[in-house]
Amino acid sequence: MIALTSRQRGLLCKYANDLKPVIWIGQKGITESLERKTDQSLTFHELIKIKFLDFKEDKTELSQSLADKCGAEVVRIIGNIVILYRPADKEHNGSYTIG
């Protein structure tokens, strides 16, 4: 797992500002298929937004659990939107420079 500094978190939030959520967590919560979709999205995008439609009261714990399973870092939780980041591997060129 990566450890982000506050400066890096700020830069990633700035990059995520114009992004739309690519994952929605609804009635079923976090399922295996949602974990796979999140992992795939992180592979291709590095930085993603997830929107909680349900389970809003548990979003902090669920977000951290999902991030741990995907090897990602929770950048920030704003309202019911979570920003996740996982640096690209060598196969995919990283698009976000966080220093």
PDB file of N, CA and C in Angstrom:
ATOM      1  N   MET A   1       0.839  -1.174   0.000  1.00  0.00           N
ATOM      2  CA  MET A   1       0.000   0.000   0.000  1.00  0.00           C
ATOM      3  C   MET A   1       0.888   1.242   0.000  1.00  0.00           C
ATOM      4  N   ILE A   2       0.404   2.269  -0.630  1.00  0.00           N
ATOM      5  CA  ILE A   2       1.149   3.515  -0.725  1.00  0.00           C
ATOM      6  C   ILE A   2       0.723   4.466   0.383  1.00  0.00           C
ATOM      7  N   ALA A   3       1.647   5.295   0.802  1.00  0.00           N
ATOM      8  CA  ALA A   3       1.328   6.310   1.806  1.00  0.00           C
ATOM      9  C   ALA A   3       1.421   7.670   1.121  1.00  0.00           C
ATOM     10  N   LEU A   4       0.321   8.370   1.081  1.00  0.00           N
ATOM     11  CA  LEU A   4       0.277   9.672   0.423  1.00  0.00           C
ATOM     12  C   LEU A   4       0.488  10.793   1.428  1.00  0.00           C
ATOM     13  N   THR A   5       1.239  11.792   1.017  1.00  0.00           N
ATOM     14  CA  THR A   5       1.417  12.985   1.836  1.00  0.00           C
ATOM     15  C   THR A   5       0.210  13.896   1.619  1.00  0.00           C
ATOM     16  N   SER A   6       0.066  14.892   2.459  1.00  0.00           N
ATOM     17  CA  SER A   6      -1.063  15.818   2.302  1.00  0.00           C
ATOM     18  C   SER A   6      -0.946  16.592   0.986  1.00  0.00           C
ATOM     19  N   ARG A   7       0.273  16.883   0.564  1.00  0.00           N
ATOM     20  CA  ARG A   7       0.489  17.572  -0.710  1.00  0.00           C
ATOM     21  C   ARG A   7       0.032  16.687  -1.867  1.00  0.00           C
ATOM     22  N   GLN A   8       0.383  15.404  -1.825  1.00  0.00           N
ATOM     23  CA  GLN A   8      -0.025  14.472  -2.866  1.00  0.00           C
ATOM     24  C   GLN A   8      -1.543  14.300  -2.888  1.00  0.00           C
ATOM     25  N   ARG A   9      -2.146  14.219  -1.705  1.00  0.00           N
ATOM     26  CA  ARG A   9      -3.605  14.115  -1.632  1.00  0.00           C
ATOM     27  C   ARG A   9      -4.267  15.343  -2.267  1.00  0.00           C
ATOM     28  N   GLY A  10      -3.712  16.505  -1.990  1.00  0.00           N
ATOM     29  CA  GLY A  10      -4.251  17.736  -2.571  1.00  0.00           C
ATOM     30  C   GLY A  10      -4.168  17.744  -4.088  1.00  0.00           C
ATOM     31  N   LEU A  11      -3.027  17.297  -4.625  1.00  0.00           N
ATOM     32  CA  LEU A  11      -2.880  17.224  -6.078  1.00  0.00           C
ATOM     33  C   LEU A  11      -3.866  16.233  -6.690  1.00  0.00           C
ATOM     34  N   LEU A  12      -4.014  15.077  -6.056  1.00  0.00           N
ATOM     35  CA  LEU A  12      -4.942  14.077  -6.573  1.00  0.00           C
ATOM     36  C   LEU A  12      -6.381  14.577  -6.513  1.00  0.00           C
ATOM     37  N   CYS A  13      -6.739  15.296  -5.476  1.00  0.00           N
ATOM     38  CA  CYS A  13      -8.092  15.873  -5.396  1.00  0.00           C
ATOM     39  C   CYS A  13      -8.304  16.870  -6.524  1.00  0.00           C
ATOM     40  N   LYS A  14      -7.268  17.636  -6.818  1.00  0.00           N
ATOM     41  CA  LYS A  14      -7.345  18.599  -7.920  1.00  0.00           C
ATOM     42  C   LYS A  14      -7.556  17.858  -9.243  1.00  0.00           C
ATOM     43  N   TYR A  15      -6.794  16.781  -9.471  1.00  0.00           N
ATOM     44  CA  TYR A  15      -6.951  15.986 -10.693  1.00  0.00           C
ATOM     45  C   TYR A  15      -8.343  15.358 -10.761  1.00  0.00           C
ATOM     46  N   ALA A  16      -8.878  14.945  -9.627  1.00  0.00           N
ATOM     47  CA  ALA A  16     -10.172  14.250  -9.587  1.00  0.00           C
ATOM     48  C   ALA A  16     -11.359  15.205  -9.714  1.00  0.00           C
ATOM     49  N   ASN A  17     -11.109  16.473  -9.613  1.00  0.00           N
ATOM     50  CA  ASN A  17     -12.189  17.456  -9.598  1.00  0.00           C
ATOM     51  C   ASN A  17     -13.152  17.307 -10.781  1.00  0.00           C
ATOM     52  N   ASP A  18     -12.633  17.064 -11.970  1.00  0.00           N
ATOM     53  CA  ASP A  18     -13.480  16.982 -13.158  1.00  0.00           C
ATOM     54  C   ASP A  18     -13.944  15.561 -13.479  1.00  0.00           C
ATOM     55  N   LEU A  19     -13.511  14.582 -12.693  1.00  0.00           N
ATOM     56  CA  LEU A  19     -13.905  13.196 -12.954  1.00  0.00           C
ATOM     57  C   LEU A  19     -15.342  12.932 -12.512  1.00  0.00           C
ATOM     58  N   LYS A  20     -15.988  12.050 -13.223  1.00  0.00           N
ATOM     59  CA  LYS A  20     -17.320  11.573 -12.849  1.00  0.00           C
ATOM     60  C   LYS A  20     -17.166  10.212 -12.178  1.00  0.00           C
ATOM     61  N   PRO A  21     -18.060   9.857 -11.274  1.00  0.00           N
ATOM     62  CA  PRO A  21     -17.976   8.532 -10.651  1.00  0.00           C
ATOM     63  C   PRO A  21     -18.073   7.421 -11.698  1.00  0.00           C
ATOM     64  N   VAL A  22     -17.241   6.400 -11.546  1.00  0.00           N
ATOM     65  CA  VAL A  22     -17.280   5.245 -12.451  1.00  0.00           C
ATOM     66  C   VAL A  22     -17.838   4.014 -11.754  1.00  0.00           C
ATOM     67  N   ILE A  23     -17.961   4.066 -10.445  1.00  0.00           N
ATOM     68  CA  ILE A  23     -18.506   2.966  -9.647  1.00  0.00           C
ATOM     69  C   ILE A  23     -19.593   3.552  -8.746  1.00  0.00           C
ATOM     70  N   TRP A  24     -20.715   2.815  -8.646  1.00  0.00           N
ATOM     71  CA  TRP A  24     -21.800   3.213  -7.755  1.00  0.00           C
ATOM     72  C   TRP A  24     -22.070   2.067  -6.797  1.00  0.00           C
ATOM     73  N   ILE A  25     -22.149   2.380  -5.523  1.00  0.00           N
ATOM     74  CA  ILE A  25     -22.443   1.362  -4.515  1.00  0.00           C
ATOM     75  C   ILE A  25     -23.893   1.537  -4.099  1.00  0.00           C
ATOM     76  N   GLY A  26     -24.691   0.508  -4.413  1.00  0.00           N
ATOM     77  CA  GLY A  26     -26.119   0.565  -4.158  1.00  0.00           C
ATOM     78  C   GLY A  26     -26.573  -0.461  -3.156  1.00  0.00           C
ATOM     79  N   GLN A  27     -27.755  -1.011  -3.375  1.00  0.00           N
ATOM     80  CA  GLN A  27     -28.413  -1.920  -2.433  1.00  0.00           C
ATOM     81  C   GLN A  27     -27.587  -3.134  -2.050  1.00  0.00           C
ATOM     82  N   LYS A  28     -26.850  -3.685  -2.992  1.00  0.00           N
ATOM     83  CA  LYS A  28     -26.098  -4.917  -2.728  1.00  0.00           C
ATOM     84  C   LYS A  28     -24.793  -4.673  -1.992  1.00  0.00           C
ATOM     85  N   GLY A  29     -24.384  -3.435  -1.876  1.00  0.00           N
ATOM     86  CA  GLY A  29     -23.139  -3.120  -1.184  1.00  0.00           C
ATOM     87  C   GLY A  29     -21.932  -3.506  -2.020  1.00  0.00           C
ATOM     88  N   ILE A  30     -20.876  -3.923  -1.348  1.00  0.00           N
ATOM     89  CA  ILE A  30     -19.645  -4.293  -2.037  1.00  0.00           C
ATOM     90  C   ILE A  30     -19.679  -5.796  -2.303  1.00  0.00           C
ATOM     91  N   THR A  31     -19.775  -6.143  -3.570  1.00  0.00           N
ATOM     92  CA  THR A  31     -19.808  -7.539  -3.992  1.00  0.00           C
ATOM     93  C   THR A  31     -18.495  -7.881  -4.697  1.00  0.00           C
ATOM     94  N   GLU A  32     -18.327  -9.159  -5.018  1.00  0.00           N
ATOM     95  CA  GLU A  32     -17.116  -9.563  -5.745  1.00  0.00           C
ATOM     96  C   GLU A  32     -17.035  -8.884  -7.102  1.00  0.00           C
ATOM     97  N   SER A  33     -18.159  -8.780  -7.789  1.00  0.00           N
ATOM     98  CA  SER A  33     -18.144  -8.139  -9.107  1.00  0.00           C
ATOM     99  C   SER A  33     -17.818  -6.648  -8.994  1.00  0.00           C
ATOM    100  N   LEU A  34     -18.279  -5.997  -7.942  1.00  0.00           N
ATOM    101  CA  LEU A  34     -17.946  -4.590  -7.732  1.00  0.00           C
ATOM    102  C   LEU A  34     -16.457  -4.437  -7.437  1.00  0.00           C
ATOM    103  N   GLU A  35     -15.885  -5.370  -6.666  1.00  0.00           N
ATOM    104  CA  GLU A  35     -14.444  -5.339  -6.392  1.00  0.00           C
ATOM    105  C   GLU A  35     -13.646  -5.502  -7.682  1.00  0.00           C
ATOM    106  N   ARG A  36     -14.080  -6.437  -8.551  1.00  0.00           N
ATOM    107  CA  ARG A  36     -13.385  -6.644  -9.837  1.00  0.00           C
ATOM    108  C   ARG A  36     -13.480  -5.399 -10.710  1.00  0.00           C
ATOM    109  N   LYS A  37     -14.668  -4.810 -10.768  1.00  0.00           N
ATOM    110  CA  LYS A  37     -14.866  -3.602 -11.569  1.00  0.00           C
ATOM    111  C   LYS A  37     -14.005  -2.452 -11.047  1.00  0.00           C
ATOM    112  N   THR A  38     -13.915  -2.325  -9.740  1.00  0.00           N
ATOM    113  CA  THR A  38     -13.080  -1.286  -9.140  1.00  0.00           C
ATOM    114  C   THR A  38     -11.619  -1.522  -9.475  1.00  0.00           C
ATOM    115  N   ASP A  39     -11.174  -2.771  -9.362  1.00  0.00           N
ATOM    116  CA  ASP A  39      -9.792  -3.115  -9.683  1.00  0.00           C
ATOM    117  C   ASP A  39      -9.483  -2.801 -11.146  1.00  0.00           C
ATOM    118  N   GLN A  40     -10.388  -3.167 -12.054  1.00  0.00           N
ATOM    119  CA  GLN A  40     -10.199  -2.868 -13.474  1.00  0.00           C
ATOM    120  C   GLN A  40     -10.161  -1.363 -13.729  1.00  0.00           C
ATOM    121  N   SER A  41     -11.045  -0.647 -13.100  1.00  0.00           N
ATOM    122  CA  SER A  41     -11.091   0.812 -13.277  1.00  0.00           C
ATOM    123  C   SER A  41      -9.805   1.466 -12.795  1.00  0.00           C
ATOM    124  N   LEU A  42      -9.281   0.994 -11.677  1.00  0.00           N
ATOM    125  CA  LEU A  42      -8.020   1.533 -11.161  1.00  0.00           C
ATOM    126  C   LEU A  42      -6.859   1.194 -12.085  1.00  0.00           C
ATOM    127  N   THR A  43      -6.892   0.020 -12.691  1.00  0.00           N
ATOM    128  CA  THR A  43      -5.834  -0.374 -13.626  1.00  0.00           C
ATOM    129  C   THR A  43      -5.788   0.576 -14.816  1.00  0.00           C
ATOM    130  N   PHE A  44      -6.949   0.929 -15.322  1.00  0.00           N
ATOM    131  CA  PHE A  44      -6.991   1.766 -16.518  1.00  0.00           C
ATOM    132  C   PHE A  44      -6.978   3.263 -16.242  1.00  0.00           C
ATOM    133  N   HIS A  45      -7.443   3.676 -15.069  1.00  0.00           N
ATOM    134  CA  HIS A  45      -7.574   5.108 -14.809  1.00  0.00           C
ATOM    135  C   HIS A  45      -6.699   5.634 -13.681  1.00  0.00           C
ATOM    136  N   GLU A  46      -6.185   4.791 -12.826  1.00  0.00           N
ATOM    137  CA  GLU A  46      -5.386   5.164 -11.650  1.00  0.00           C
ATOM    138  C   GLU A  46      -6.180   5.902 -10.580  1.00  0.00           C
ATOM    139  N   LEU A  47      -6.965   6.866 -10.991  1.00  0.00           N
ATOM    140  CA  LEU A  47      -7.696   7.739 -10.081  1.00  0.00           C
ATOM    141  C   LEU A  47      -9.174   7.654 -10.438  1.00  0.00           C
ATOM    142  N   ILE A  48      -9.994   7.233  -9.484  1.00  0.00           N
ATOM    143  CA  ILE A  48     -11.419   7.074  -9.771  1.00  0.00           C
ATOM    144  C   ILE A  48     -12.269   7.646  -8.639  1.00  0.00           C
ATOM    145  N   LYS A  49     -13.510   7.902  -8.991  1.00  0.00           N
ATOM    146  CA  LYS A  49     -14.496   8.314  -7.997  1.00  0.00           C
ATOM    147  C   LYS A  49     -15.533   7.215  -7.857  1.00  0.00           C
ATOM    148  N   ILE A  50     -15.968   7.015  -6.632  1.00  0.00           N
ATOM    149  CA  ILE A  50     -17.007   6.050  -6.319  1.00  0.00           C
ATOM    150  C   ILE A  50     -18.114   6.795  -5.588  1.00  0.00           C
ATOM    151  N   LYS A  51     -19.343   6.562  -6.006  1.00  0.00           N
ATOM    152  CA  LYS A  51     -20.480   7.238  -5.362  1.00  0.00           C
ATOM    153  C   LYS A  51     -21.286   6.226  -4.555  1.00  0.00           C
ATOM    154  N   PHE A  52     -21.580   6.584  -3.328  1.00  0.00           N
ATOM    155  CA  PHE A  52     -22.430   5.771  -2.464  1.00  0.00           C
ATOM    156  C   PHE A  52     -23.874   6.205  -2.629  1.00  0.00           C
ATOM    157  N   LEU A  53     -24.702   5.283  -3.139  1.00  0.00           N
ATOM    158  CA  LEU A  53     -26.136   5.522  -3.230  1.00  0.00           C
ATOM    159  C   LEU A  53     -26.829   4.985  -1.985  1.00  0.00           C
ATOM    160  N   ASP A  54     -26.300   3.900  -1.437  1.00  0.00           N
ATOM    161  CA  ASP A  54     -26.760   3.289  -0.193  1.00  0.00           C
ATOM    162  C   ASP A  54     -25.536   3.083   0.700  1.00  0.00           C
ATOM    163  N   PHE A  55     -25.767   2.625   1.914  1.00  0.00           N
ATOM    164  CA  PHE A  55     -24.684   2.371   2.877  1.00  0.00           C
ATOM    165  C   PHE A  55     -23.885   3.647   3.175  1.00  0.00           C
ATOM    166  N   LYS A  56     -24.527   4.784   3.095  1.00  0.00           N
ATOM    167  CA  LYS A  56     -23.839   6.060   3.289  1.00  0.00           C
ATOM    168  C   LYS A  56     -23.253   6.198   4.690  1.00  0.00           C
ATOM    169  N   GLU A  57     -23.916   5.614   5.674  1.00  0.00           N
ATOM    170  CA  GLU A  57     -23.415   5.716   7.050  1.00  0.00           C
ATOM    171  C   GLU A  57     -22.159   4.864   7.266  1.00  0.00           C
ATOM    172  N   ASP A  58     -21.918   3.896   6.379  1.00  0.00           N
ATOM    173  CA  ASP A  58     -20.753   3.017   6.502  1.00  0.00           C
ATOM    174  C   ASP A  58     -19.679   3.309   5.464  1.00  0.00           C
ATOM    175  N   LYS A  59     -19.790   4.440   4.779  1.00  0.00           N
ATOM    176  CA  LYS A  59     -18.903   4.698   3.642  1.00  0.00           C
ATOM    177  C   LYS A  59     -17.420   4.732   4.005  1.00  0.00           C
ATOM    178  N   THR A  60     -17.070   5.203   5.183  1.00  0.00           N
ATOM    179  CA  THR A  60     -15.660   5.270   5.563  1.00  0.00           C
ATOM    180  C   THR A  60     -15.061   3.872   5.664  1.00  0.00           C
ATOM    181  N   GLU A  61     -15.745   2.986   6.390  1.00  0.00           N
ATOM    182  CA  GLU A  61     -15.234   1.622   6.569  1.00  0.00           C
ATOM    183  C   GLU A  61     -15.261   0.839   5.256  1.00  0.00           C
ATOM    184  N   LEU A  62     -16.349   0.969   4.496  1.00  0.00           N
ATOM    185  CA  LEU A  62     -16.466   0.252   3.228  1.00  0.00           C
ATOM    186  C   LEU A  62     -15.439   0.744   2.208  1.00  0.00           C
ATOM    187  N   SER A  63     -15.191   2.034   2.192  1.00  0.00           N
ATOM    188  CA  SER A  63     -14.202   2.600   1.267  1.00  0.00           C
ATOM    189  C   SER A  63     -12.813   2.075   1.574  1.00  0.00           C
ATOM    190  N   GLN A  64     -12.466   2.050   2.849  1.00  0.00           N
ATOM    191  CA  GLN A  64     -11.141   1.557   3.237  1.00  0.00           C
ATOM    192  C   GLN A  64     -10.998   0.074   2.934  1.00  0.00           C
ATOM    193  N   SER A  65     -12.052  -0.686   3.182  1.00  0.00           N
ATOM    194  CA  SER A  65     -12.034  -2.114   2.882  1.00  0.00           C
ATOM    195  C   SER A  65     -11.857  -2.359   1.386  1.00  0.00           C
ATOM    196  N   LEU A  66     -12.583  -1.636   0.564  1.00  0.00           N
ATOM    197  CA  LEU A  66     -12.472  -1.774  -0.883  1.00  0.00           C
ATOM    198  C   LEU A  66     -11.080  -1.360  -1.358  1.00  0.00           C
ATOM    199  N   ALA A  67     -10.560  -0.277  -0.816  1.00  0.00           N
ATOM    200  CA  ALA A  67      -9.218   0.172  -1.180  1.00  0.00           C
ATOM    201  C   ALA A  67      -8.175  -0.882  -0.815  1.00  0.00           C
ATOM    202  N   ASP A  68      -8.296  -1.458   0.365  1.00  0.00           N
ATOM    203  CA  ASP A  68      -7.357  -2.496   0.796  1.00  0.00           C
ATOM    204  C   ASP A  68      -7.390  -3.700  -0.138  1.00  0.00           C
ATOM    205  N   LYS A  69      -8.577  -4.118  -0.534  1.00  0.00           N
ATOM    206  CA  LYS A  69      -8.714  -5.275  -1.416  1.00  0.00           C
ATOM    207  C   LYS A  69      -8.145  -5.012  -2.796  1.00  0.00           C
ATOM    208  N   CYS A  70      -8.160  -3.753  -3.230  1.00  0.00           N
ATOM    209  CA  CYS A  70      -7.672  -3.396  -4.562  1.00  0.00           C
ATOM    210  C   CYS A  70      -6.237  -2.857  -4.536  1.00  0.00           C
ATOM    211  N   GLY A  71      -5.645  -2.772  -3.362  1.00  0.00           N
ATOM    212  CA  GLY A  71      -4.285  -2.232  -3.266  1.00  0.00           C
ATOM    213  C   GLY A  71      -4.220  -0.750  -3.576  1.00  0.00           C
ATOM    214  N   ALA A  72      -5.278  -0.047  -3.232  1.00  0.00           N
ATOM    215  CA  ALA A  72      -5.377   1.387  -3.526  1.00  0.00           C
ATOM    216  C   ALA A  72      -5.363   2.190  -2.224  1.00  0.00           C
ATOM    217  N   GLU A  73      -5.401   3.484  -2.385  1.00  0.00           N
ATOM    218  CA  GLU A  73      -5.418   4.403  -1.253  1.00  0.00           C
ATOM    219  C   GLU A  73      -6.652   5.288  -1.347  1.00  0.00           C
ATOM    220  N   VAL A  74      -7.348   5.454  -0.229  1.00  0.00           N
ATOM    221  CA  VAL A  74      -8.454   6.416  -0.185  1.00  0.00           C
ATOM    222  C   VAL A  74      -7.827   7.804  -0.117  1.00  0.00           C
ATOM    223  N   VAL A  75      -8.067   8.592  -1.142  1.00  0.00           N
ATOM    224  CA  VAL A  75      -7.505   9.944  -1.190  1.00  0.00           C
ATOM    225  C   VAL A  75      -8.334  10.874  -0.314  1.00  0.00           C
ATOM    226  N   ARG A  76      -9.650  10.829  -0.510  1.00  0.00           N
ATOM    227  CA  ARG A  76     -10.533  11.703   0.262  1.00  0.00           C
ATOM    228  C   ARG A  76     -11.970  11.224   0.108  1.00  0.00           C
ATOM    229  N   ILE A  77     -12.756  11.510   1.113  1.00  0.00           N
ATOM    230  CA  ILE A  77     -14.195  11.267   1.052  1.00  0.00           C
ATOM    231  C   ILE A  77     -14.866  12.635   1.166  1.00  0.00           C
ATOM    232  N   ILE A  78     -15.622  12.977   0.141  1.00  0.00           N
ATOM    233  CA  ILE A  78     -16.320  14.262   0.107  1.00  0.00           C
ATOM    234  C   ILE A  78     -17.800  13.963  -0.087  1.00  0.00           C
ATOM    235  N   GLY A  79     -18.587  14.216   0.930  1.00  0.00           N
ATOM    236  CA  GLY A  79     -20.006  13.880   0.858  1.00  0.00           C
ATOM    237  C   GLY A  79     -20.160  12.379   0.722  1.00  0.00           C
ATOM    238  N   ASN A  80     -20.822  11.942  -0.340  1.00  0.00           N
ATOM    239  CA  ASN A  80     -20.997  10.515  -0.597  1.00  0.00           C
ATOM    240  C   ASN A  80     -20.126  10.036  -1.754  1.00  0.00           C
ATOM    241  N   ILE A  81     -19.096  10.795  -2.053  1.00  0.00           N
ATOM    242  CA  ILE A  81     -18.151  10.458  -3.115  1.00  0.00           C
ATOM    243  C   ILE A  81     -16.798  10.128  -2.487  1.00  0.00           C
ATOM    244  N   VAL A  82     -16.220   9.028  -2.947  1.00  0.00           N
ATOM    245  CA  VAL A  82     -14.902   8.596  -2.475  1.00  0.00           C
ATOM    246  C   VAL A  82     -13.940   8.652  -3.656  1.00  0.00           C
ATOM    247  N   ILE A  83     -12.748   9.166  -3.427  1.00  0.00           N
ATOM    248  CA  ILE A  83     -11.706   9.193  -4.446  1.00  0.00           C
ATOM    249  C   ILE A  83     -10.675   8.140  -4.078  1.00  0.00           C
ATOM    250  N   LEU A  84     -10.420   7.202  -5.015  1.00  0.00           N
ATOM    251  CA  LEU A  84      -9.413   6.166  -4.815  1.00  0.00           C
ATOM    252  C   LEU A  84      -8.285   6.359  -5.814  1.00  0.00           C
ATOM    253  N   TYR A  85      -7.060   6.025  -5.383  1.00  0.00           N
ATOM    254  CA  TYR A  85      -5.886   6.142  -6.240  1.00  0.00           C
ATOM    255  C   TYR A  85      -5.017   4.901  -6.088  1.00  0.00           C
ATOM    256  N   ARG A  86      -4.562   4.400  -7.223  1.00  0.00           N
ATOM    257  CA  ARG A  86      -3.571   3.337  -7.244  1.00  0.00           C
ATOM    258  C   ARG A  86      -2.649   3.630  -8.422  1.00  0.00           C
ATOM    259  N   PRO A  87      -1.342   3.794  -8.160  1.00  0.00           N
ATOM    260  CA  PRO A  87      -0.428   4.106  -9.264  1.00  0.00           C
ATOM    261  C   PRO A  87      -0.466   3.015 -10.326  1.00  0.00           C
ATOM    262  N   ALA A  88      -0.275   3.424 -11.572  1.00  0.00           N
ATOM    263  CA  ALA A  88      -0.270   2.476 -12.678  1.00  0.00           C
ATOM    264  C   ALA A  88       0.953   1.577 -12.583  1.00  0.00           C
ATOM    265  N   ASP A  89       0.780   0.337 -13.039  1.00  0.00           N
ATOM    266  CA  ASP A  89       1.925  -0.555 -13.090  1.00  0.00           C
ATOM    267  C   ASP A  89       2.723  -0.259 -14.355  1.00  0.00           C
ATOM    268  N   LYS A  90       3.756  -1.035 -14.605  1.00  0.00           N
ATOM    269  CA  LYS A  90       4.648  -0.751 -15.723  1.00  0.00           C
ATOM    270  C   LYS A  90       3.982  -0.953 -17.083  1.00  0.00           C
ATOM    271  N   GLU A  91       2.926  -1.790 -17.147  1.00  0.00           N
ATOM    272  CA  GLU A  91       2.241  -2.014 -18.419  1.00  0.00           C
ATOM    273  C   GLU A  91       1.512  -0.772 -18.903  1.00  0.00           C
ATOM    274  N   HIS A  92       0.979  -0.018 -17.986  1.00  0.00           N
ATOM    275  CA  HIS A  92       0.201   1.166 -18.333  1.00  0.00           C
ATOM    276  C   HIS A  92       0.986   2.402 -17.886  1.00  0.00           C
ATOM    277  N   ASN A  93       1.075   3.351 -18.750  1.00  0.00           N
ATOM    278  CA  ASN A  93       1.771   4.588 -18.388  1.00  0.00           C
ATOM    279  C   ASN A  93       0.930   5.374 -17.415  1.00  0.00           C
ATOM    280  N   GLY A  94       1.537   5.790 -16.343  1.00  0.00           N
ATOM    281  CA  GLY A  94       0.822   6.596 -15.357  1.00  0.00           C
ATOM    282  C   GLY A  94       0.530   7.974 -15.912  1.00  0.00           C
ATOM    283  N   SER A  95      -0.624   8.485 -15.605  1.00  0.00           N
ATOM    284  CA  SER A  95      -0.994   9.785 -16.119  1.00  0.00           C
ATOM    285  C   SER A  95      -1.007  10.877 -15.061  1.00  0.00           C
ATOM    286  N   TYR A  96      -0.822  10.478 -13.796  1.00  0.00           N
ATOM    287  CA  TYR A  96      -0.861  11.459 -12.725  1.00  0.00           C
ATOM    288  C   TYR A  96       0.502  11.542 -12.056  1.00  0.00           C
ATOM    289  N   THR A  97       1.074  12.718 -12.078  1.00  0.00           N
ATOM    290  CA  THR A  97       2.359  12.942 -11.442  1.00  0.00           C
ATOM    291  C   THR A  97       2.084  13.573 -10.073  1.00  0.00           C
ATOM    292  N   ILE A  98       2.464  12.853  -9.030  1.00  0.00           N
ATOM    293  CA  ILE A  98       2.200  13.375  -7.691  1.00  0.00           C
ATOM    294  C   ILE A  98       3.486  13.633  -6.924  1.00  0.00           C
ATOM    295  N   GLY A  99       4.587  13.577  -7.604  1.00  0.00           N
ATOM    296  CA  GLY A  99       5.855  13.939  -7.014  1.00  0.00           C
ATOM    297  C   GLY A  99       6.429  12.882  -6.182  1.00  0.00           C
TER     298      GLY A  99
END
